[in-house]
Each structure stands twice: as structure tokens, then as C-alpha cells.
Amino acid sequence: MAAKLARRCEVQLSYAIEILYPISIKVDTFGTGTVSEAELSRIIPLIFDLTTKGVI
């Protein structure tokens, strides 16, 4: 079931060598978000496994 927080969304994750979790998360909803992009950046790691193993 979709949360309907944005009609369109792009997520950029930045990792560093030997660091398990992303060092940066950037969200762009292209103006279609119902919540702020900063809020989405905050909650994404709470919902998804963003470890390198989880992303693979």
C-alpha cells in the first residue's frame, strides 16, 4: 500500500568505504510531496534497511 507522501520521488544515498550506513540522504520530490523533503530524509532510514547489504 502506498503512503501517498509524494507522487514522484528520487532518493540519493552517499556511502563511504567501510561505513555501514549512508553518510548522506537526499530526497527530491519534484514538488509533488505532501510532507517536506527533510522529513522524508529523516524517516526513510527508519523504514528501509540502508546498510550496504540491505541495499544490495
C-alpha atoms as a PDB file:
ATOM      1  CA  MET A   1       0.000   0.000   0.000  1.00  0.00           C
ATOM      2  CA  ALA A   2       1.396   3.368  -0.978  1.00  0.00           C
ATOM      3  CA  ALA A   3       1.768   6.041   1.682  1.00  0.00           C
ATOM      4  CA  LYS A   4       0.976   8.817  -0.842  1.00  0.00           C
ATOM      5  CA  LEU A   5       3.701  11.073   0.569  1.00  0.00           C
ATOM      6  CA  ALA A   6       4.762  12.089  -2.952  1.00  0.00           C
ATOM      7  CA  ARG A   7       3.671  11.328  -6.487  1.00  0.00           C
ATOM      8  CA  ARG A   8       7.284  11.242  -7.641  1.00  0.00           C
ATOM      9  CA  CYS A   9      10.448  10.785  -5.582  1.00  0.00           C
ATOM     10  CA  GLU A  10      14.195  10.405  -6.129  1.00  0.00           C
ATOM     11  CA  VAL A  11      16.473   9.325  -3.277  1.00  0.00           C
ATOM     12  CA  GLN A  12      20.244   9.780  -3.352  1.00  0.00           C
ATOM     13  CA  LEU A  13      22.376   7.814  -0.892  1.00  0.00           C
ATOM     14  CA  SER A  14      26.082   8.502  -0.300  1.00  0.00           C
ATOM     15  CA  TYR A  15      28.338   5.912   1.275  1.00  0.00           C
ATOM     16  CA  ALA A  16      31.967   5.925   2.399  1.00  0.00           C
ATOM     17  CA  ILE A  17      34.357   2.990   2.333  1.00  0.00           C
ATOM     18  CA  GLU A  18      33.981   0.755   5.410  1.00  0.00           C
ATOM     19  CA  ILE A  19      30.975   2.747   6.710  1.00  0.00           C
ATOM     20  CA  LEU A  20      27.903   0.524   7.069  1.00  0.00           C
ATOM     21  CA  TYR A  21      25.205   3.210   6.751  1.00  0.00           C
ATOM     22  CA  PRO A  22      24.861   6.125   4.320  1.00  0.00           C
ATOM     23  CA  ILE A  23      26.630   9.308   5.321  1.00  0.00           C
ATOM     24  CA  SER A  24      24.104  11.392   3.386  1.00  0.00           C
ATOM     25  CA  ILE A  25      20.490  11.007   2.258  1.00  0.00           C
ATOM     26  CA  LYS A  26      18.991  13.489  -0.207  1.00  0.00           C
ATOM     27  CA  VAL A  27      15.340  13.397  -1.274  1.00  0.00           C
ATOM     28  CA  ASP A  28      13.795  15.261  -4.202  1.00  0.00           C
ATOM     29  CA  THR A  29      10.024  15.024  -4.711  1.00  0.00           C
ATOM     30  CA  PHE A  30       9.997  17.410  -7.672  1.00  0.00           C
ATOM     31  CA  GLY A  31       7.340  19.498  -5.923  1.00  0.00           C
ATOM     32  CA  THR A  32       4.903  16.562  -5.574  1.00  0.00           C
ATOM     33  CA  GLY A  33       5.435  15.861  -1.848  1.00  0.00           C
ATOM     34  CA  THR A  34       2.760  16.131   0.802  1.00  0.00           C
ATOM     35  CA  VAL A  35       5.463  16.362   3.520  1.00  0.00           C
ATOM     36  CA  SER A  36       8.799  18.151   3.433  1.00  0.00           C
ATOM     37  CA  GLU A  37      11.818  16.546   1.809  1.00  0.00           C
ATOM     38  CA  ALA A  38      13.713  16.993   5.093  1.00  0.00           C
ATOM     39  CA  GLU A  39      11.054  14.942   6.894  1.00  0.00           C
ATOM     40  CA  LEU A  40      11.272  12.220   4.240  1.00  0.00           C
ATOM     41  CA  SER A  41      15.072  12.152   4.619  1.00  0.00           C
ATOM     42  CA  ARG A  42      14.592  11.660   8.348  1.00  0.00           C
ATOM     43  CA  ILE A  43      12.058   8.813   8.135  1.00  0.00           C
ATOM     44  CA  ILE A  44      13.491   6.812   5.203  1.00  0.00           C
ATOM     45  CA  PRO A  45      16.214   5.140   7.341  1.00  0.00           C
ATOM     46  CA  LEU A  46      13.551   4.194   9.899  1.00  0.00           C
ATOM     47  CA  ILE A  47      11.562   2.286   7.252  1.00  0.00           C
ATOM     48  CA  PHE A  48      14.226   0.837   4.928  1.00  0.00           C
ATOM     49  CA  ASP A  49      17.381  -1.171   5.626  1.00  0.00           C
ATOM     50  CA  LEU A  50      20.006   1.186   4.197  1.00  0.00           C
ATOM     51  CA  THR A  51      23.035  -0.849   5.158  1.00  0.00           C
ATOM     52  CA  THR A  52      25.134  -1.780   2.157  1.00  0.00           C
ATOM     53  CA  LYS A  53      23.913  -5.374   2.483  1.00  0.00           C
ATOM     54  CA  GLY A  54      20.280  -4.234   2.728  1.00  0.00           C
ATOM     55  CA  VAL A  55      20.540  -2.117  -0.412  1.00  0.00           C
ATOM     56  CA  ILE A  56      22.139  -4.938  -2.403  1.00  0.00           C
END
